[in-house]
Amino acid sequence: MEKKVIVEGVEAVFKRLGPGKAIKFFQSMGLSKGDSVKEIESITEKMSKEDIMKGIRKSRRA
């Protein structure tokens, strides 16, 4: 159950902040495990290419 809550929380942060700001947020909180590529891949693996591109465009405007 705890893992599910963590996954839901991470997904919510990525959805709300976008990939760039979410990574910065987790890094500032000291939650990065050191391999940001694997972290991003694990979080975005369920997202469609269109969702990822929307997130990128949104973060560029911010």
PDB file of N, CA and C in Angstrom:
ATOM      1  N   MET A   1       0.824  -1.199   0.000  1.00  0.00           N
ATOM      2  CA  MET A   1       0.000   0.000   0.000  1.00  0.00           C
ATOM      3  C   MET A   1       0.864   1.257   0.000  1.00  0.00           C
ATOM      4  N   GLU A   2       1.924   1.267   0.811  1.00  0.00           N
ATOM      5  CA  GLU A   2       2.779   2.448   0.915  1.00  0.00           C
ATOM      6  C   GLU A   2       3.409   2.790  -0.434  1.00  0.00           C
ATOM      7  N   LYS A   3       3.858   1.760  -1.168  1.00  0.00           N
ATOM      8  CA  LYS A   3       4.473   2.008  -2.472  1.00  0.00           C
ATOM      9  C   LYS A   3       3.459   2.652  -3.422  1.00  0.00           C
ATOM     10  N   LYS A   4       2.224   2.197  -3.384  1.00  0.00           N
ATOM     11  CA  LYS A   4       1.178   2.744  -4.253  1.00  0.00           C
ATOM     12  C   LYS A   4       0.956   4.224  -3.958  1.00  0.00           C
ATOM     13  N   VAL A   5       0.941   4.592  -2.697  1.00  0.00           N
ATOM     14  CA  VAL A   5       0.746   5.989  -2.308  1.00  0.00           C
ATOM     15  C   VAL A   5       1.914   6.837  -2.796  1.00  0.00           C
ATOM     16  N   ILE A   6       3.118   6.308  -2.679  1.00  0.00           N
ATOM     17  CA  ILE A   6       4.307   7.039  -3.144  1.00  0.00           C
ATOM     18  C   ILE A   6       4.234   7.239  -4.650  1.00  0.00           C
ATOM     19  N   VAL A   7       3.895   6.194  -5.378  1.00  0.00           N
ATOM     20  CA  VAL A   7       3.787   6.297  -6.834  1.00  0.00           C
ATOM     21  C   VAL A   7       2.727   7.328  -7.213  1.00  0.00           C
ATOM     22  N   GLU A   8       1.578   7.293  -6.555  1.00  0.00           N
ATOM     23  CA  GLU A   8       0.514   8.262  -6.836  1.00  0.00           C
ATOM     24  C   GLU A   8       0.979   9.684  -6.532  1.00  0.00           C
ATOM     25  N   GLY A   9       1.716   9.849  -5.453  1.00  0.00           N
ATOM     26  CA  GLY A   9       2.228  11.170  -5.098  1.00  0.00           C
ATOM     27  C   GLY A   9       3.221  11.696  -6.117  1.00  0.00           C
ATOM     28  N   VAL A  10       4.124  10.842  -6.545  1.00  0.00           N
ATOM     29  CA  VAL A  10       5.123  11.241  -7.542  1.00  0.00           C
ATOM     30  C   VAL A  10       4.427  11.604  -8.850  1.00  0.00           C
ATOM     31  N   GLU A  11       3.475  10.789  -9.261  1.00  0.00           N
ATOM     32  CA  GLU A  11       2.737  11.082 -10.493  1.00  0.00           C
ATOM     33  C   GLU A  11       1.987  12.405 -10.389  1.00  0.00           C
ATOM     34  N   ALA A  12       1.426  12.686  -9.216  1.00  0.00           N
ATOM     35  CA  ALA A  12       0.690  13.942  -9.020  1.00  0.00           C
ATOM     36  C   ALA A  12       1.630  15.139  -9.124  1.00  0.00           C
ATOM     37  N   VAL A  13       2.822  15.015  -8.541  1.00  0.00           N
ATOM     38  CA  VAL A  13       3.793  16.108  -8.614  1.00  0.00           C
ATOM     39  C   VAL A  13       4.216  16.342 -10.063  1.00  0.00           C
ATOM     40  N   PHE A  14       4.498  15.268 -10.786  1.00  0.00           N
ATOM     41  CA  PHE A  14       4.893  15.410 -12.193  1.00  0.00           C
ATOM     42  C   PHE A  14       3.766  16.021 -13.014  1.00  0.00           C
ATOM     43  N   LYS A  15       2.540  15.619 -12.745  1.00  0.00           N
ATOM     44  CA  LYS A  15       1.411  16.148 -13.503  1.00  0.00           C
ATOM     45  C   LYS A  15       1.225  17.634 -13.210  1.00  0.00           C
ATOM     46  N   ARG A  16       1.354  18.016 -11.950  1.00  0.00           N
ATOM     47  CA  ARG A  16       1.124  19.414 -11.544  1.00  0.00           C
ATOM     48  C   ARG A  16       2.274  20.330 -11.949  1.00  0.00           C
ATOM     49  N   LEU A  17       3.513  19.885 -11.746  1.00  0.00           N
ATOM     50  CA  LEU A  17       4.674  20.746 -11.983  1.00  0.00           C
ATOM     51  C   LEU A  17       5.311  20.569 -13.352  1.00  0.00           C
ATOM     52  N   GLY A  18       5.078  19.439 -13.982  1.00  0.00           N
ATOM     53  CA  GLY A  18       5.779  19.129 -15.222  1.00  0.00           C
ATOM     54  C   GLY A  18       7.113  18.474 -14.890  1.00  0.00           C
ATOM     55  N   PRO A  19       7.718  17.816 -15.874  1.00  0.00           N
ATOM     56  CA  PRO A  19       8.943  17.050 -15.607  1.00  0.00           C
ATOM     57  C   PRO A  19      10.098  17.871 -15.034  1.00  0.00           C
ATOM     58  N   GLY A  20      10.390  19.007 -15.640  1.00  0.00           N
ATOM     59  CA  GLY A  20      11.540  19.801 -15.200  1.00  0.00           C
ATOM     60  C   GLY A  20      11.422  20.284 -13.771  1.00  0.00           C
ATOM     61  N   LYS A  21      10.289  20.885 -13.445  1.00  0.00           N
ATOM     62  CA  LYS A  21      10.090  21.405 -12.092  1.00  0.00           C
ATOM     63  C   LYS A  21       9.956  20.276 -11.074  1.00  0.00           C
ATOM     64  N   ALA A  22       9.363  19.159 -11.484  1.00  0.00           N
ATOM     65  CA  ALA A  22       9.222  18.032 -10.565  1.00  0.00           C
ATOM     66  C   ALA A  22      10.596  17.492 -10.170  1.00  0.00           C
ATOM     67  N   ILE A  23      11.482  17.335 -11.146  1.00  0.00           N
ATOM     68  CA  ILE A  23      12.835  16.848 -10.849  1.00  0.00           C
ATOM     69  C   ILE A  23      13.539  17.831  -9.916  1.00  0.00           C
ATOM     70  N   LYS A  24      13.428  19.130 -10.221  1.00  0.00           N
ATOM     71  CA  LYS A  24      14.051  20.140  -9.344  1.00  0.00           C
ATOM     72  C   LYS A  24      13.473  20.060  -7.938  1.00  0.00           C
ATOM     73  N   PHE A  25      12.167  19.858  -7.834  1.00  0.00           N
ATOM     74  CA  PHE A  25      11.518  19.731  -6.536  1.00  0.00           C
ATOM     75  C   PHE A  25      12.081  18.547  -5.763  1.00  0.00           C
ATOM     76  N   PHE A  26      12.128  17.386  -6.401  1.00  0.00           N
ATOM     77  CA  PHE A  26      12.630  16.197  -5.718  1.00  0.00           C
ATOM     78  C   PHE A  26      14.105  16.335  -5.351  1.00  0.00           C
ATOM     79  N   GLN A  27      14.884  16.943  -6.220  1.00  0.00           N
ATOM     80  CA  GLN A  27      16.296  17.159  -5.909  1.00  0.00           C
ATOM     81  C   GLN A  27      16.445  18.095  -4.709  1.00  0.00           C
ATOM     82  N   SER A  28      15.649  19.160  -4.663  1.00  0.00           N
ATOM     83  CA  SER A  28      15.750  20.103  -3.557  1.00  0.00           C
ATOM     84  C   SER A  28      15.309  19.476  -2.239  1.00  0.00           C
ATOM     85  N   MET A  29      14.440  18.479  -2.326  1.00  0.00           N
ATOM     86  CA  MET A  29      13.986  17.778  -1.128  1.00  0.00           C
ATOM     87  C   MET A  29      14.939  16.648  -0.742  1.00  0.00           C
ATOM     88  N   GLY A  30      15.951  16.418  -1.566  1.00  0.00           N
ATOM     89  CA  GLY A  30      16.899  15.347  -1.282  1.00  0.00           C
ATOM     90  C   GLY A  30      16.345  13.974  -1.581  1.00  0.00           C
ATOM     91  N   LEU A  31      15.376  13.900  -2.479  1.00  0.00           N
ATOM     92  CA  LEU A  31      14.727  12.626  -2.776  1.00  0.00           C
ATOM     93  C   LEU A  31      15.261  11.945  -4.024  1.00  0.00           C
ATOM     94  N   SER A  32      16.253  12.533  -4.630  1.00  0.00           N
ATOM     95  CA  SER A  32      16.825  11.942  -5.839  1.00  0.00           C
ATOM     96  C   SER A  32      17.739  10.783  -5.457  1.00  0.00           C
ATOM     97  N   LYS A  33      17.661   9.720  -6.213  1.00  0.00           N
ATOM     98  CA  LYS A  33      18.518   8.566  -5.953  1.00  0.00           C
ATOM     99  C   LYS A  33      19.773   8.611  -6.807  1.00  0.00           C
ATOM    100  N   GLY A  34      19.944   9.681  -7.554  1.00  0.00           N
ATOM    101  CA  GLY A  34      21.177   9.845  -8.306  1.00  0.00           C
ATOM    102  C   GLY A  34      21.090   9.511  -9.779  1.00  0.00           C
ATOM    103  N   ASP A  35      20.083   8.788 -10.206  1.00  0.00           N
ATOM    104  CA  ASP A  35      19.969   8.444 -11.619  1.00  0.00           C
ATOM    105  C   ASP A  35      18.668   9.032 -12.151  1.00  0.00           C
ATOM    106  N   SER A  36      18.713  10.312 -12.486  1.00  0.00           N
ATOM    107  CA  SER A  36      17.488  11.012 -12.879  1.00  0.00           C
ATOM    108  C   SER A  36      16.872  10.436 -14.147  1.00  0.00           C
ATOM    109  N   VAL A  37      17.685   9.889 -15.042  1.00  0.00           N
ATOM    110  CA  VAL A  37      17.132   9.304 -16.272  1.00  0.00           C
ATOM    111  C   VAL A  37      16.223   8.130 -15.925  1.00  0.00           C
ATOM    112  N   LYS A  38      16.687   7.240 -15.075  1.00  0.00           N
ATOM    113  CA  LYS A  38      15.860   6.091 -14.681  1.00  0.00           C
ATOM    114  C   LYS A  38      14.632   6.542 -13.911  1.00  0.00           C
ATOM    115  N   GLU A  39      14.794   7.573 -13.078  1.00  0.00           N
ATOM    116  CA  GLU A  39      13.653   8.093 -12.330  1.00  0.00           C
ATOM    117  C   GLU A  39      12.598   8.639 -13.277  1.00  0.00           C
ATOM    118  N   ILE A  40      13.021   9.421 -14.246  1.00  0.00           N
ATOM    119  CA  ILE A  40      12.080   9.997 -15.216  1.00  0.00           C
ATOM    120  C   ILE A  40      11.412   8.891 -16.019  1.00  0.00           C
ATOM    121  N   GLU A  41      12.198   7.920 -16.474  1.00  0.00           N
ATOM    122  CA  GLU A  41      11.634   6.821 -17.261  1.00  0.00           C
ATOM    123  C   GLU A  41      10.595   6.049 -16.458  1.00  0.00           C
ATOM    124  N   SER A  42      10.874   5.791 -15.185  1.00  0.00           N
ATOM    125  CA  SER A  42       9.919   5.011 -14.393  1.00  0.00           C
ATOM    126  C   SER A  42       8.621   5.780 -14.154  1.00  0.00           C
ATOM    127  N   ILE A  43       8.721   7.094 -14.062  1.00  0.00           N
ATOM    128  CA  ILE A  43       7.527   7.905 -13.810  1.00  0.00           C
ATOM    129  C   ILE A  43       6.734   8.150 -15.082  1.00  0.00           C
ATOM    130  N   THR A  44       7.429   8.298 -16.190  1.00  0.00           N
ATOM    131  CA  THR A  44       6.753   8.645 -17.433  1.00  0.00           C
ATOM    132  C   THR A  44       6.419   7.443 -18.310  1.00  0.00           C
ATOM    133  N   GLU A  45       6.752   6.235 -17.882  1.00  0.00           N
ATOM    134  CA  GLU A  45       6.533   5.068 -18.733  1.00  0.00           C
ATOM    135  C   GLU A  45       5.064   4.842 -19.080  1.00  0.00           C
ATOM    136  N   LYS A  46       4.160   5.306 -18.231  1.00  0.00           N
ATOM    137  CA  LYS A  46       2.734   5.129 -18.491  1.00  0.00           C
ATOM    138  C   LYS A  46       2.136   6.302 -19.264  1.00  0.00           C
ATOM    139  N   MET A  47       2.928   7.339 -19.486  1.00  0.00           N
ATOM    140  CA  MET A  47       2.427   8.518 -20.190  1.00  0.00           C
ATOM    141  C   MET A  47       2.566   8.321 -21.699  1.00  0.00           C
ATOM    142  N   SER A  48       1.633   8.891 -22.432  1.00  0.00           N
ATOM    143  CA  SER A  48       1.725   8.829 -23.890  1.00  0.00           C
ATOM    144  C   SER A  48       2.742   9.868 -24.359  1.00  0.00           C
ATOM    145  N   LYS A  49       3.208   9.716 -25.579  1.00  0.00           N
ATOM    146  CA  LYS A  49       4.149  10.682 -26.145  1.00  0.00           C
ATOM    147  C   LYS A  49       3.514  12.072 -26.166  1.00  0.00           C
ATOM    148  N   GLU A  50       2.227  12.123 -26.466  1.00  0.00           N
ATOM    149  CA  GLU A  50       1.514  13.409 -26.510  1.00  0.00           C
ATOM    150  C   GLU A  50       1.502  14.074 -25.130  1.00  0.00           C
ATOM    151  N   ASP A  51       1.258  13.289 -24.068  1.00  0.00           N
ATOM    152  CA  ASP A  51       1.264  13.837 -22.709  1.00  0.00           C
ATOM    153  C   ASP A  51       2.642  14.391 -22.339  1.00  0.00           C
ATOM    154  N   ILE A  52       3.675  13.670 -22.700  1.00  0.00           N
ATOM    155  CA  ILE A  52       5.036  14.108 -22.401  1.00  0.00           C
ATOM    156  C   ILE A  52       5.358  15.398 -23.147  1.00  0.00           C
ATOM    157  N   MET A  53       4.981  15.457 -24.422  1.00  0.00           N
ATOM    158  CA  MET A  53       5.249  16.665 -25.205  1.00  0.00           C
ATOM    159  C   MET A  53       4.469  17.855 -24.657  1.00  0.00           C
ATOM    160  N   LYS A  54       3.235  17.643 -24.210  1.00  0.00           N
ATOM    161  CA  LYS A  54       2.463  18.721 -23.597  1.00  0.00           C
ATOM    162  C   LYS A  54       3.165  19.231 -22.343  1.00  0.00           C
ATOM    163  N   GLY A  55       3.670  18.304 -21.549  1.00  0.00           N
ATOM    164  CA  GLY A  55       4.389  18.682 -20.331  1.00  0.00           C
ATOM    165  C   GLY A  55       5.641  19.480 -20.625  1.00  0.00           C
ATOM    166  N   ILE A  56       6.361  19.091 -21.668  1.00  0.00           N
ATOM    167  CA  ILE A  56       7.571  19.809 -22.067  1.00  0.00           C
ATOM    168  C   ILE A  56       7.222  21.218 -22.513  1.00  0.00           C
ATOM    169  N   ARG A  57       6.205  21.325 -23.372  1.00  0.00           N
ATOM    170  CA  ARG A  57       5.794  22.655 -23.851  1.00  0.00           C
ATOM    171  C   ARG A  57       5.327  23.530 -22.688  1.00  0.00           C
ATOM    172  N   LYS A  58       4.587  22.953 -21.759  1.00  0.00           N
ATOM    173  CA  LYS A  58       4.097  23.707 -20.619  1.00  0.00           C
ATOM    174  C   LYS A  58       5.261  24.186 -19.747  1.00  0.00           C
ATOM    175  N   SER A  59       6.242  23.326 -19.520  1.00  0.00           N
ATOM    176  CA  SER A  59       7.364  23.719 -18.664  1.00  0.00           C
ATOM    177  C   SER A  59       8.237  24.776 -19.337  1.00  0.00           C
ATOM    178  N   ARG A  60       8.286  24.792 -20.647  1.00  0.00           N
ATOM    179  CA  ARG A  60       9.060  25.811 -21.364  1.00  0.00           C
ATOM    180  C   ARG A  60       8.405  27.186 -21.246  1.00  0.00           C
ATOM    181  N   ARG A  61       7.084  27.210 -21.144  1.00  0.00           N
ATOM    182  CA  ARG A  61       6.357  28.481 -21.009  1.00  0.00           C
ATOM    183  C   ARG A  61       6.467  29.055 -19.601  1.00  0.00           C
ATOM    184  N   ALA A  62       6.686  28.192 -18.637  1.00  0.00           N
ATOM    185  CA  ALA A  62       6.719  28.617 -17.219  1.00  0.00           C
ATOM    186  C   ALA A  62       7.968  29.396 -16.865  1.00  0.00           C
TER     187      ALA A  62
END
